[in-house]
Protein backbone atom coordinates (compact mmCIF):
# COMPACT_ATOMS: atom_id res chain seq x y z
CA UNK A 1 106.69 144.27 151.98
CA UNK A 2 105.95 144.00 155.43
CA UNK A 3 107.60 143.36 157.78
CA UNK A 4 108.25 140.46 160.69
CA UNK A 5 110.63 141.45 164.31
CA UNK A 6 112.02 137.49 164.71
CA UNK A 7 113.63 137.75 168.35
CA UNK A 8 115.75 134.98 168.33
CA UNK A 9 116.17 134.60 172.74
CA UNK A 10 112.44 134.62 172.48
CA UNK A 11 112.10 131.55 170.81
CA UNK A 12 115.06 129.91 171.56
CA UNK A 13 114.39 130.58 175.40
CA UNK A 14 118.02 131.93 176.68
CA UNK A 15 120.62 133.57 175.86
CA UNK A 16 122.54 130.50 174.58
CA UNK A 17 122.00 129.61 170.94
CA UNK A 18 124.18 126.66 170.82
CA UNK A 19 121.38 123.84 169.47
CA UNK A 20 121.17 122.67 166.07
CA UNK A 21 117.23 121.89 167.23
CA UNK A 22 116.71 125.78 168.54
CA UNK A 23 118.24 126.53 165.37
CA UNK A 24 115.08 124.39 163.71
CA UNK A 25 113.09 126.37 165.77
CA UNK A 26 114.40 129.82 164.13
CA UNK A 27 114.33 127.97 160.98
CA UNK A 28 111.00 127.68 160.47
CA UNK A 29 110.02 130.67 162.05
CA UNK A 30 111.98 132.36 158.87
CA UNK A 31 110.52 130.03 156.71
CA UNK A 32 107.17 130.40 157.41
CA UNK A 33 107.50 134.33 156.96
CA UNK A 34 109.50 134.35 153.58
CA UNK A 35 106.69 131.89 152.47
CA UNK A 36 104.10 134.54 152.94
CA UNK A 37 106.29 136.82 151.04
CA UNK A 38 107.22 139.16 154.14
CA UNK A 39 110.66 140.31 155.70
CA UNK A 40 112.05 138.84 158.77
CA UNK A 41 113.97 140.99 160.66
CA UNK A 42 116.24 139.23 163.20
CA UNK A 43 116.97 140.67 166.46
CA UNK A 44 119.96 138.71 168.15
CA UNK A 45 119.44 141.10 171.38
CA UNK A 46 120.10 138.83 174.84
CA UNK A 47 121.48 136.51 172.59
CA UNK A 48 125.47 135.73 174.63
CA UNK A 49 126.64 132.73 172.82
CA UNK A 50 126.44 131.47 169.16
CA UNK A 51 126.89 128.79 167.33
CA UNK A 52 127.24 128.07 163.39
CA UNK A 53 125.78 124.67 164.50
CA UNK A 54 123.14 126.86 165.51
CA UNK A 55 122.83 128.97 162.65
CA UNK A 56 123.77 126.41 160.06
CA UNK A 57 120.24 125.22 161.05
CA UNK A 58 118.94 128.66 161.26
CA UNK A 59 119.80 130.52 157.71
CA UNK A 60 121.95 128.02 156.35
CA UNK A 61 119.17 125.38 155.56
CA UNK A 62 117.48 128.93 154.32
CA UNK A 63 119.43 128.32 150.34
CA UNK A 64 118.46 125.08 149.91
CA UNK A 65 114.87 126.40 150.08
CA UNK A 66 115.49 130.08 148.60
CA UNK A 67 116.78 131.61 146.33
CA UNK A 68 120.34 133.65 147.46
CA UNK A 69 118.39 137.06 146.40
CA UNK A 70 115.14 136.47 148.01
CA UNK A 71 116.99 135.63 151.02
CA UNK A 72 119.39 139.29 150.68
CA UNK A 73 115.90 140.96 150.17
CA UNK A 74 113.75 139.60 152.51
CA UNK A 75 115.96 138.70 155.79
CA UNK A 76 118.13 141.65 157.92
CA UNK A 77 119.80 140.88 160.84
CA UNK A 78 120.36 142.76 164.02
CA UNK A 79 122.22 143.53 167.35
CA UNK A 80 124.32 140.63 166.33
CA UNK A 81 127.85 140.51 168.09
CA UNK A 82 131.22 141.15 165.64
CA UNK A 83 132.29 137.51 166.53
CA UNK A 84 127.91 136.40 165.62
CA UNK A 85 129.03 138.32 162.59
CA UNK A 86 131.53 136.15 161.40
CA UNK A 87 130.12 132.92 162.20
CA UNK A 88 127.17 134.41 160.14
CA UNK A 89 129.46 134.95 156.86
CA UNK A 90 131.18 131.30 157.39
CA UNK A 91 127.43 130.07 157.52
CA UNK A 92 126.02 131.57 154.63
CA UNK A 93 128.99 131.50 152.33
CA UNK A 94 129.26 127.49 152.98
CA UNK A 95 125.28 127.19 152.41
CA UNK A 96 125.65 128.84 149.21
CA UNK A 97 128.41 127.01 147.72
CA UNK A 98 127.21 123.61 149.52
CA UNK A 99 123.70 124.25 147.66
CA UNK A 100 125.37 125.38 144.64
CA UNK A 101 126.34 121.50 144.13
CA UNK A 102 125.26 118.87 147.12
CA UNK A 103 126.16 115.61 145.37
CA UNK A 104 129.84 117.56 144.75
CA UNK A 105 130.20 118.69 148.07
CA UNK A 106 129.35 115.09 149.70
CA UNK A 107 131.69 113.23 148.02
CA UNK A 108 134.81 115.44 148.25
CA UNK A 109 133.71 115.15 152.14
CA UNK A 110 133.95 110.72 151.63
CA UNK A 111 136.76 110.67 149.64
CA UNK A 112 138.77 113.65 152.55
CA UNK A 113 137.02 110.81 155.54
CA UNK A 114 138.26 107.61 153.57
CA UNK A 115 135.20 106.41 153.19
CA UNK A 116 133.47 104.68 150.06
CA UNK A 117 130.05 103.45 149.00
CA UNK A 118 130.05 100.47 150.65
CA UNK A 119 132.25 98.52 148.12
């Protein structure tokens, strides 16, 4: 399987990876690579700031489209700080749980927030 190096800094254009919209750009790149049955090697070199909002859109959304095993086999990460690794782990765990049963998660969130269905 061919491997494609994905430079996060180059896609985002700055060292701060904080915006969900920038995460969407990375997601589209990874999505294309995985759809072509290639491996994506993500480099976070020169990235100094990283948020879960960015990671949710860049990587978490992949779990809604691809099987967890495909992601494990096809995605690798380099040059990520220790705090970035912690954030990525949190995002992937939450994404896996969410996409297993999104309706239950949404209902729980609505219950916690005290929202109803407009009754």
